[in-house]
Structures are given as structure tokens and as C-alpha cells.
Amino acid sequence: MPDLPAHASPASVPQRWSNSSHSEQQLLDFRLNHHDHPPLLSPAFTPPATPGTGTPAIERDAHSIPVDTSSEPASNLLESLPEVNCVVRARIPTTTGQEMFLHLYQNNVDNKEHLAIVFGNQIRSRSLDAAREGETEMARMIRGAYTGRLYPGRSHSRVEQLKHDTLGGSNSSTSISSTSRTPSASPTASPLSPQEPKAPLVRIHSECYTGETVWSARCDCGEQLDEAARLMSLPSNLPPYSLGGVIIYLRQEGRGIGLGEKLKAYNLQDLGSDTFEANVLLRHPADARSYGLATSMLVDLGLGRGEDGQSGIRLLTNNPDKIRAVEGPRREVLVKERVAMIPLAWKKGDRGSEEVEKYLSTKIEKFKHMLSSE
């Protein structure tokens, strides 16, 4: 076999099908008797665990690639963004010693509870912090609309703000959200503390029960969630070196077709189809996901373009279509850099299970993901 780069996968001979003359059963029979060549490389399966524990202890940050989508049209995007509202937020300590804030969102387009996992204390939800008529201070703290940390006996959600005003600081009408987004100044200069903090690191992650909870080796979703959490927990991606990080966790299982249909797709894969073909055979789009809710949640978290039109994010993805989709129909969010997600086994030169290898090969060949070993 000739030497090929790590991202290459041999393609099968194209087969043309006519919908009028070939049934789905004939397509399945053909697939059973004409197996594709196995892909060359793919990540080994990493069982999901507490965020950050499923990956090696590598302190090196991920490589960023500048992107510019200004010339790309807003095709197939929602005409307007959905309305979102953060209803509760809570601090989540982890077994690795890191902390994150879990935000639960409701919206006006579905009845699902989408999530934002926030790293760092300078990224705050505008809808959560907004004052509510007749609300007590205890009610504000219970739903997570407080600054600093909670502790036994605390009675005011804005205790830090009150101290600041008492000492003759800025006008007491200054909002919590605006003050909390101001990056802290680093006391001493260092190679890791530039004059301007790095843009927040963001991952848009779609729910995958099979890959994150029941250890499926048919995908690398659990590994990607762990790696995103690890990267966002690095000191270089937290204040004062960066404004922080956010994992937007969207409840769109199976690339948008739901868990039941996804399990049917698994059976089709055992019959010879790949993940792309299986969704299509079930009369679903190969990828039915939408990112309008993610864009709205990023804007609510203060990660929109801002008044200067330049504020942006670093997007952790290998999917080129996701970059423009996350920016929104009117570019409400600006993606300044793409951060590649390199499969862990590719870093070590290993090979994973047959299922994962085929899955990543399909990502490259049919979904056009930008996967490489560097």
C-alpha cells in the first residue's frame, strides 16, 4: 500500500443508483456484498468520564487557524434567531479540581432544555442577570443570578457590587453583567498574559447518549466532549489570559433525528451502510442539525459581535459548515479562529476499532470534515 498522509482514506469505486429502478433493499444487498476498504487511521475509543479525565495530561493548548467567512452567503440559515432565556445556573465542581457553571436554557422553538457549560467567572448570561419584578434576593441566588461565590449565611446576590459601591466605586446602577465581563488585569507581564486576553474558546456540541453515556465506539463524541473540557480548563484559556470558554450542549441527538431513529441507523450500519447512508435510507437528512439556538445562547452570554463589531470567538470544530452556521443569519457572532480537534489516537499514532475508523472516514469523505493528525 502506498504511503498516504494520516488524513487520507481510500475511496470506493463510485456506484450510480437510480431511484426508479433500485429499491432500498437492493441497496442494502449491494452494500452487504461490496464492503468498502477500511480507513487508514482513526482515534481509539475513549470512554467518556468526568470532563477532562478521558484525555492525557497534556498542558499544551490547541492550534488555532484564522478564518474569514465574510464572503460566504447565509444560505440554509434561519431568517431570525430564536429567543432564549437562561432560567437557572449552578456551580459544578469536578473530580479534577476544576469548576464550571452549568446554565439551563429554555426557548421559543422547542420544549427541550439546552445547556451552556461555562468555564471562568467572567462570562455571564444577560437573561439570567436581568431583574425580575417582585423577586427576593434569596430567589435570585437560588436561580444562580449572583456574583462571586455562595456561602452559608449569604443574604444578597450582589454583595461584591454593594462593597464596590460602598467604597466609592462606579455608579451603583452599573449592571452585574457589564462589570463581570471586564477582564482582570494581570499583575505582572508574562508570555501567557498578552495585553488583550484571547477570544473565548467555544465548542458547539450535540447530545450523543450512545457516545457519552453507554460507551459506544461508533463515534468519537464522548472523546470530543472530554477534550473540549480539558482545553477550556487550561490556565491559558482562563482569565486573565482569556475571557474563558463555553460548551454549548444542544439536545439534537443523532445529528438531529433523535435517539430512536439513531438506533435504527445503527442497525443499518450493521447491515453495511455508513452513518451518512443510514440516515438517508431512513428518509432523514444526512445532517439535520441547526445552530440558531447556539448562536442565540452565545449572544445571551455576551459573546456576540459587540458594539465594535470585532469581538469574536475561537470555535473548536473540524466541521467547515458549522463555522458560518454558528455566526448566525446577520453574523450576530464572529468566529475569528477555528481550533482543530485532533483525535487522540492520531496524536499517538494508534488505530481504533473498525467502527470508529469507518465513522471518521465517512466524516472526511462525505461530510467534508477537516480532520488531520496535526
Protein backbone atom coordinates (compact mmCIF):
# COMPACT_ATOMS: atom_id res chain seq x y z
CA MET A 1 0.00 0.00 0.00
CA PRO A 2 1.47 3.45 -0.88
CA ASP A 3 2.36 5.88 1.89
CA LEU A 4 -0.51 8.30 2.44
CA PRO A 5 -0.99 11.19 4.88
CA ALA A 6 -2.81 10.44 8.11
CA HIS A 7 -6.00 12.14 6.97
CA ALA A 8 -6.31 10.18 3.72
CA SER A 9 -8.80 7.35 3.27
CA PRO A 10 -9.12 5.17 0.17
CA ALA A 11 -12.40 5.72 -1.60
CA SER A 12 -14.57 3.00 -3.13
CA VAL A 13 -15.47 2.94 -6.81
CA PRO A 14 -18.49 5.25 -7.24
CA GLN A 15 -21.77 3.44 -7.87
CA ARG A 16 -24.66 5.25 -9.52
CA TRP A 17 -28.17 4.46 -8.42
CA SER A 18 -31.48 5.28 -9.98
CA ASN A 19 -34.32 5.72 -7.52
CA SER A 20 -36.81 4.46 -10.07
CA SER A 21 -35.10 1.10 -10.65
CA HIS A 22 -33.46 0.19 -7.36
CA SER A 23 -35.20 -0.37 -4.06
CA GLU A 24 -33.76 0.28 -0.63
CA GLN A 25 -33.48 -3.47 -0.13
CA GLN A 26 -31.39 -3.78 -3.29
CA LEU A 27 -29.12 -1.03 -1.99
CA LEU A 28 -28.69 -2.87 1.29
CA ASP A 29 -27.96 -6.15 -0.52
CA PHE A 30 -25.34 -4.39 -2.62
CA ARG A 31 -23.70 -2.90 0.46
CA LEU A 32 -23.54 -6.31 2.15
CA ASN A 33 -21.68 -7.81 -0.79
CA HIS A 34 -19.41 -4.85 -1.63
CA HIS A 35 -17.57 -3.76 1.50
CA ASP A 36 -15.63 -0.52 1.41
CA HIS A 37 -11.91 -0.54 2.05
CA PRO A 38 -11.11 0.09 5.73
CA PRO A 39 -9.88 3.59 6.55
CA LEU A 40 -6.26 4.09 7.43
CA LEU A 41 -6.28 5.87 10.79
CA SER A 42 -8.76 6.92 13.42
CA PRO A 43 -8.84 7.60 17.15
CA ALA A 44 -9.00 4.78 19.65
CA PHE A 45 -12.21 4.73 21.66
CA THR A 46 -12.02 6.74 24.87
CA PRO A 47 -14.90 6.09 27.31
CA PRO A 48 -16.44 9.39 28.42
CA ALA A 49 -15.87 10.36 32.04
CA THR A 50 -15.78 13.45 34.20
CA PRO A 51 -14.83 16.24 31.74
CA GLY A 52 -11.12 16.36 31.26
CA THR A 53 -10.26 12.93 32.70
CA GLY A 54 -10.59 10.95 29.47
CA THR A 55 -7.62 12.63 27.86
CA PRO A 56 -3.89 12.59 28.57
CA ALA A 57 -2.48 15.26 30.86
CA ILE A 58 -1.24 17.45 28.02
CA GLU A 59 -0.91 21.09 29.04
CA ARG A 60 -0.26 22.30 25.51
CA ASP A 61 -3.07 24.40 24.05
CA ALA A 62 -4.71 23.56 20.73
CA HIS A 63 -3.57 25.17 17.49
CA SER A 64 -5.76 27.99 16.14
CA ILE A 65 -6.36 28.78 12.47
CA PRO A 66 -7.67 32.25 11.44
CA VAL A 67 -10.93 32.13 9.45
CA ASP A 68 -12.90 34.65 7.40
CA THR A 69 -16.47 33.88 6.30
CA SER A 70 -17.32 37.42 5.17
CA SER A 71 -17.72 36.29 1.55
CA GLU A 72 -19.88 33.25 2.36
CA PRO A 73 -23.68 33.61 1.91
CA ALA A 74 -26.13 32.92 4.73
CA SER A 75 -27.79 30.03 2.87
CA ASN A 76 -29.89 27.48 4.78
CA LEU A 77 -29.83 29.61 7.93
CA LEU A 78 -32.82 30.77 9.97
CA GLU A 79 -34.12 34.20 8.94
CA SER A 80 -34.07 35.32 12.57
CA LEU A 81 -32.60 33.90 15.75
CA PRO A 82 -34.76 32.06 18.32
CA GLU A 83 -35.50 33.67 21.68
CA VAL A 84 -33.66 32.07 24.58
CA ASN A 85 -33.84 32.53 28.33
CA CYS A 86 -31.44 31.19 30.95
CA VAL A 87 -33.64 30.02 33.82
CA VAL A 88 -31.01 28.68 36.24
CA ARG A 89 -27.24 28.45 36.73
CA ALA A 90 -25.20 26.44 39.22
CA ARG A 91 -21.54 25.89 40.07
CA ILE A 92 -20.29 22.40 39.20
CA PRO A 93 -17.07 21.25 40.92
CA THR A 94 -15.38 18.29 39.24
CA THR A 95 -13.13 15.46 40.40
CA THR A 96 -10.23 17.08 38.52
CA GLY A 97 -10.40 20.15 40.77
CA GLN A 98 -11.77 22.39 38.04
CA GLU A 99 -15.06 24.28 38.30
CA MET A 100 -17.64 25.20 35.72
CA PHE A 101 -21.05 26.88 35.72
CA LEU A 102 -23.90 24.93 34.17
CA HIS A 103 -26.60 27.14 32.59
CA LEU A 104 -30.00 25.72 31.63
CA TYR A 105 -31.86 27.45 28.78
CA GLN A 106 -35.44 27.46 27.53
CA ASN A 107 -36.50 28.82 24.14
CA ASN A 108 -39.46 29.59 21.90
CA VAL A 109 -38.89 26.92 19.21
CA ASP A 110 -38.87 23.61 21.12
CA ASN A 111 -39.54 22.25 24.60
CA LYS A 112 -36.02 20.94 25.17
CA GLU A 113 -33.64 22.17 27.86
CA HIS A 114 -30.40 23.13 26.12
CA LEU A 115 -27.27 23.76 28.19
CA ALA A 116 -24.26 26.04 28.34
CA ILE A 117 -21.22 24.84 30.29
CA VAL A 118 -19.20 27.95 31.16
CA PHE A 119 -15.55 27.93 32.24
CA GLY A 120 -14.35 31.04 34.07
CA ASN A 121 -16.40 33.60 36.00
CA GLN A 122 -16.38 36.48 33.51
CA ILE A 123 -18.90 35.07 31.04
CA ARG A 124 -22.42 35.75 32.29
CA SER A 125 -25.96 35.36 30.98
CA ARG A 126 -27.83 38.59 30.36
CA SER A 127 -31.25 36.95 30.67
CA LEU A 128 -30.27 35.30 33.96
CA ASP A 129 -28.89 38.51 35.47
CA ALA A 130 -31.89 40.61 34.43
CA ALA A 131 -34.00 41.89 37.33
CA ARG A 132 -37.41 40.27 37.79
CA GLU A 133 -40.31 42.13 39.31
CA GLY A 134 -41.02 41.21 42.91
CA GLU A 135 -38.07 38.82 43.16
CA THR A 136 -36.34 38.46 46.51
CA GLU A 137 -32.57 38.30 46.93
CA MET A 138 -32.85 34.68 48.07
CA ALA A 139 -34.80 33.80 44.91
CA ARG A 140 -32.09 35.41 42.78
CA MET A 141 -29.37 33.40 44.49
CA ILE A 142 -31.34 30.15 44.20
CA ARG A 143 -31.62 30.54 40.42
CA GLY A 144 -27.93 31.45 40.17
CA ALA A 145 -28.15 35.19 39.47
CA TYR A 146 -25.37 36.11 41.90
CA THR A 147 -21.81 37.35 41.66
CA GLY A 148 -18.81 35.75 43.33
CA ARG A 149 -19.50 32.57 45.32
CA LEU A 150 -22.34 31.40 47.53
CA TYR A 151 -21.63 30.58 51.16
CA PRO A 152 -23.70 29.79 54.27
CA GLY A 153 -25.37 32.93 55.61
CA ARG A 154 -25.07 34.99 52.42
CA SER A 155 -28.13 37.21 52.04
CA HIS A 156 -27.52 39.36 48.96
CA SER A 157 -26.93 38.35 45.34
CA ARG A 158 -24.85 41.44 44.61
CA VAL A 159 -22.63 41.52 47.69
CA GLU A 160 -19.46 42.27 45.72
CA GLN A 161 -21.22 45.05 43.81
CA LEU A 162 -22.51 46.55 47.06
CA LYS A 163 -18.99 46.54 48.54
CA HIS A 164 -17.66 48.23 45.43
CA ASP A 165 -20.31 50.96 45.58
CA THR A 166 -19.85 51.49 49.31
CA LEU A 167 -16.15 52.15 48.76
CA GLY A 168 -16.99 54.95 46.31
CA GLY A 169 -16.67 52.98 43.09
CA SER A 170 -18.70 53.44 39.95
CA ASN A 171 -22.34 54.43 39.89
CA SER A 172 -24.49 51.89 41.72
CA SER A 173 -26.67 51.47 38.64
CA THR A 174 -23.84 49.63 36.87
CA SER A 175 -25.12 46.18 35.95
CA ILE A 176 -23.54 42.98 37.17
CA SER A 177 -23.18 41.63 33.67
CA SER A 178 -21.23 44.61 32.37
CA THR A 179 -18.81 44.73 35.31
CA SER A 180 -18.24 40.98 35.37
CA ARG A 181 -17.20 40.92 31.73
CA THR A 182 -14.32 43.30 32.25
CA PRO A 183 -11.15 41.15 32.22
CA SER A 184 -8.94 41.31 35.29
CA ALA A 185 -5.60 42.95 34.80
CA SER A 186 -2.64 40.67 35.21
CA PRO A 187 -0.31 41.96 37.96
CA THR A 188 2.82 41.00 36.06
CA ALA A 189 3.54 40.53 32.41
CA SER A 190 4.31 37.03 31.17
CA PRO A 191 4.35 35.16 27.86
CA LEU A 192 0.91 33.78 28.73
CA SER A 193 -0.66 37.16 29.56
CA PRO A 194 -0.94 39.36 26.47
CA GLN A 195 -2.20 42.93 26.67
CA GLU A 196 -5.57 41.79 25.30
CA PRO A 197 -6.98 38.44 26.50
CA LYS A 198 -7.52 35.75 23.90
CA ALA A 199 -11.02 35.37 22.48
CA PRO A 200 -13.19 32.87 24.37
CA LEU A 201 -12.90 29.24 23.28
CA VAL A 202 -16.29 27.80 22.23
CA ARG A 203 -17.45 24.29 21.38
CA ILE A 204 -20.92 23.60 19.94
CA HIS A 205 -21.64 20.01 20.99
CA SER A 206 -24.70 18.00 20.01
CA GLU A 207 -26.03 15.48 22.51
CA CYS A 208 -24.88 11.89 21.98
CA TYR A 209 -26.31 9.50 24.54
CA THR A 210 -24.63 6.48 22.99
CA GLY A 211 -21.16 8.02 22.78
CA GLU A 212 -21.22 9.91 26.08
CA THR A 213 -23.14 7.53 28.36
CA VAL A 214 -23.12 3.92 27.05
CA TRP A 215 -19.53 3.92 25.71
CA SER A 216 -20.37 3.48 22.03
CA ALA A 217 -17.35 3.01 19.76
CA ARG A 218 -19.37 4.02 16.70
CA CYS A 219 -18.40 7.70 17.14
CA ASP A 220 -15.90 9.99 18.88
CA CYS A 221 -18.46 12.29 20.56
CA GLY A 222 -17.52 11.36 24.13
CA GLU A 223 -13.86 11.94 23.40
CA GLN A 224 -14.59 15.32 21.83
CA LEU A 225 -16.62 16.46 24.85
CA ASP A 226 -13.80 15.43 27.20
CA GLU A 227 -11.17 17.16 25.06
CA ALA A 228 -13.19 20.39 24.85
CA ALA A 229 -13.50 20.48 28.66
CA ARG A 230 -9.78 19.76 29.07
CA LEU A 231 -8.77 22.59 26.74
CA MET A 232 -11.10 25.07 28.41
CA SER A 233 -9.68 24.14 31.82
CA LEU A 234 -6.11 25.02 30.81
CA PRO A 235 -4.75 28.16 32.51
CA SER A 236 -4.07 29.69 29.08
CA ASN A 237 -7.80 29.58 28.30
CA LEU A 238 -8.96 31.09 31.60
CA PRO A 239 -8.78 34.66 32.99
CA PRO A 240 -6.65 36.70 32.83
CA TYR A 241 -5.16 35.12 29.70
CA SER A 242 -8.56 34.53 28.06
CA LEU A 243 -12.12 35.54 28.83
CA GLY A 244 -12.95 31.86 29.39
CA GLY A 245 -14.69 29.10 27.48
CA VAL A 246 -18.17 27.77 26.73
CA ILE A 247 -19.52 24.40 25.63
CA ILE A 248 -22.99 24.85 24.13
CA TYR A 249 -24.71 21.49 24.61
CA LEU A 250 -27.62 21.14 22.17
CA ARG A 251 -30.23 18.39 22.57
CA GLN A 252 -30.20 17.20 18.96
CA GLU A 253 -29.33 13.51 19.21
CA GLY A 254 -28.25 11.57 16.14
CA ARG A 255 -27.42 14.68 14.09
CA GLY A 256 -30.98 15.85 14.68
CA ILE A 257 -33.03 12.67 14.08
CA GLY A 258 -33.49 11.55 17.71
CA LEU A 259 -32.32 8.51 19.66
CA GLY A 260 -34.91 6.05 18.31
CA GLU A 261 -34.08 6.78 14.68
CA LYS A 262 -30.39 6.80 15.51
CA LEU A 263 -30.63 3.23 16.85
CA LYS A 264 -32.34 2.19 13.60
CA ALA A 265 -29.43 3.81 11.77
CA TYR A 266 -27.06 1.68 13.87
CA ASN A 267 -28.81 -1.44 12.63
CA LEU A 268 -28.47 -0.23 9.05
CA GLN A 269 -24.76 0.29 9.70
CA ASP A 270 -24.50 -3.35 10.82
CA LEU A 271 -26.18 -4.25 7.52
CA GLY A 272 -23.43 -2.44 5.62
CA SER A 273 -24.38 1.23 5.34
CA ASP A 274 -22.23 4.05 6.69
CA THR A 275 -23.57 6.74 9.03
CA PHE A 276 -24.36 9.09 6.12
CA GLU A 277 -26.25 6.46 4.09
CA ALA A 278 -28.14 5.13 7.10
CA ASN A 279 -29.78 8.49 7.85
CA VAL A 280 -30.75 8.93 4.20
CA LEU A 281 -32.21 5.41 3.98
CA LEU A 282 -34.41 6.31 6.96
CA ARG A 283 -35.61 9.31 4.90
CA HIS A 284 -33.79 11.87 7.06
CA PRO A 285 -31.18 14.42 6.01
CA ALA A 286 -27.65 13.14 6.48
CA ASP A 287 -27.25 16.01 8.96
CA ALA A 288 -30.46 17.59 10.30
CA ARG A 289 -28.86 19.78 12.97
CA SER A 290 -29.47 23.51 13.35
CA TYR A 291 -27.31 26.02 15.21
CA GLY A 292 -29.64 29.01 15.60
CA LEU A 293 -30.18 28.22 19.29
CA ALA A 294 -26.42 28.05 19.84
CA THR A 295 -25.99 31.49 18.28
CA SER A 296 -28.73 32.95 20.49
CA MET A 297 -27.19 31.41 23.60
CA LEU A 298 -23.75 32.83 22.73
CA VAL A 299 -25.27 36.28 22.28
CA ASP A 300 -27.04 35.97 25.65
CA LEU A 301 -23.70 35.05 27.23
CA GLY A 302 -22.17 38.26 25.91
CA LEU A 303 -20.17 36.58 23.13
CA GLY A 304 -21.82 38.39 20.23
CA ARG A 305 -20.01 40.82 17.96
CA GLY A 306 -20.41 43.75 20.35
CA GLU A 307 -20.67 47.43 19.52
CA ASP A 308 -17.22 47.49 17.93
CA GLY A 309 -18.25 44.71 15.55
CA GLN A 310 -14.94 42.96 16.22
CA SER A 311 -15.49 40.90 19.39
CA GLY A 312 -15.29 37.25 18.41
CA ILE A 313 -14.74 33.68 19.49
CA ARG A 314 -12.40 30.77 18.77
CA LEU A 315 -14.55 27.86 17.59
CA LEU A 316 -13.45 24.33 18.43
CA THR A 317 -14.54 22.29 15.39
CA ASN A 318 -13.49 20.26 12.34
CA ASN A 319 -16.76 20.97 10.52
CA PRO A 320 -16.39 23.80 7.98
CA ASP A 321 -20.18 24.24 7.63
CA LYS A 322 -20.57 24.83 11.36
CA ILE A 323 -18.41 27.98 11.27
CA ARG A 324 -20.79 30.03 9.12
CA ALA A 325 -23.88 28.47 10.71
CA VAL A 326 -22.83 29.46 14.24
CA GLU A 327 -22.23 33.07 13.17
CA GLY A 328 -25.98 33.47 12.53
CA PRO A 329 -28.02 34.98 9.68
CA ARG A 330 -26.78 38.54 10.34
CA ARG A 331 -23.43 37.50 11.75
CA GLU A 332 -24.53 38.10 15.31
CA VAL A 333 -21.44 36.12 16.36
CA LEU A 334 -17.99 36.46 14.80
CA VAL A 335 -15.78 33.36 14.51
CA LYS A 336 -12.23 34.73 14.41
CA GLU A 337 -10.34 31.43 14.60
CA ARG A 338 -11.01 27.73 14.14
CA VAL A 339 -9.37 25.40 16.65
CA ALA A 340 -8.91 21.90 15.27
CA MET A 341 -9.97 18.83 17.25
CA ILE A 342 -7.33 16.18 16.63
CA PRO A 343 -8.38 12.62 17.56
CA LEU A 344 -6.28 11.44 20.48
CA ALA A 345 -5.13 8.22 18.82
CA TRP A 346 -3.91 10.19 15.81
CA LYS A 347 -1.61 12.09 18.16
CA LYS A 348 -0.21 8.78 19.41
CA GLY A 349 -0.15 7.04 16.02
CA ASP A 350 -2.61 4.36 17.14
CA ARG A 351 -5.61 2.85 15.41
CA GLY A 352 -9.02 2.41 16.92
CA SER A 353 -11.89 -0.02 16.42
CA GLU A 354 -13.24 -0.82 12.99
CA GLU A 355 -16.44 1.11 13.73
CA VAL A 356 -14.66 4.32 14.73
CA GLU A 357 -12.34 4.09 11.76
CA LYS A 358 -15.25 3.82 9.37
CA TYR A 359 -17.07 6.66 11.13
CA LEU A 360 -14.15 9.10 10.79
CA SER A 361 -13.55 8.03 7.22
CA THR A 362 -17.17 8.95 6.44
CA LYS A 363 -16.75 12.30 8.20
CA ILE A 364 -13.85 13.13 5.89
CA GLU A 365 -15.21 11.75 2.63
CA LYS A 366 -18.91 12.64 2.83
CA PHE A 367 -19.29 15.36 5.46
CA LYS A 368 -16.06 17.09 4.33
CA HIS A 369 -14.71 17.50 7.87
CA MET A 370 -11.18 18.87 8.10
CA LEU A 371 -9.54 16.05 10.03
CA SER A 372 -5.78 15.66 10.18
CA SER A 373 -3.12 14.46 12.59
CA GLU A 374 -1.61 17.94 13.10
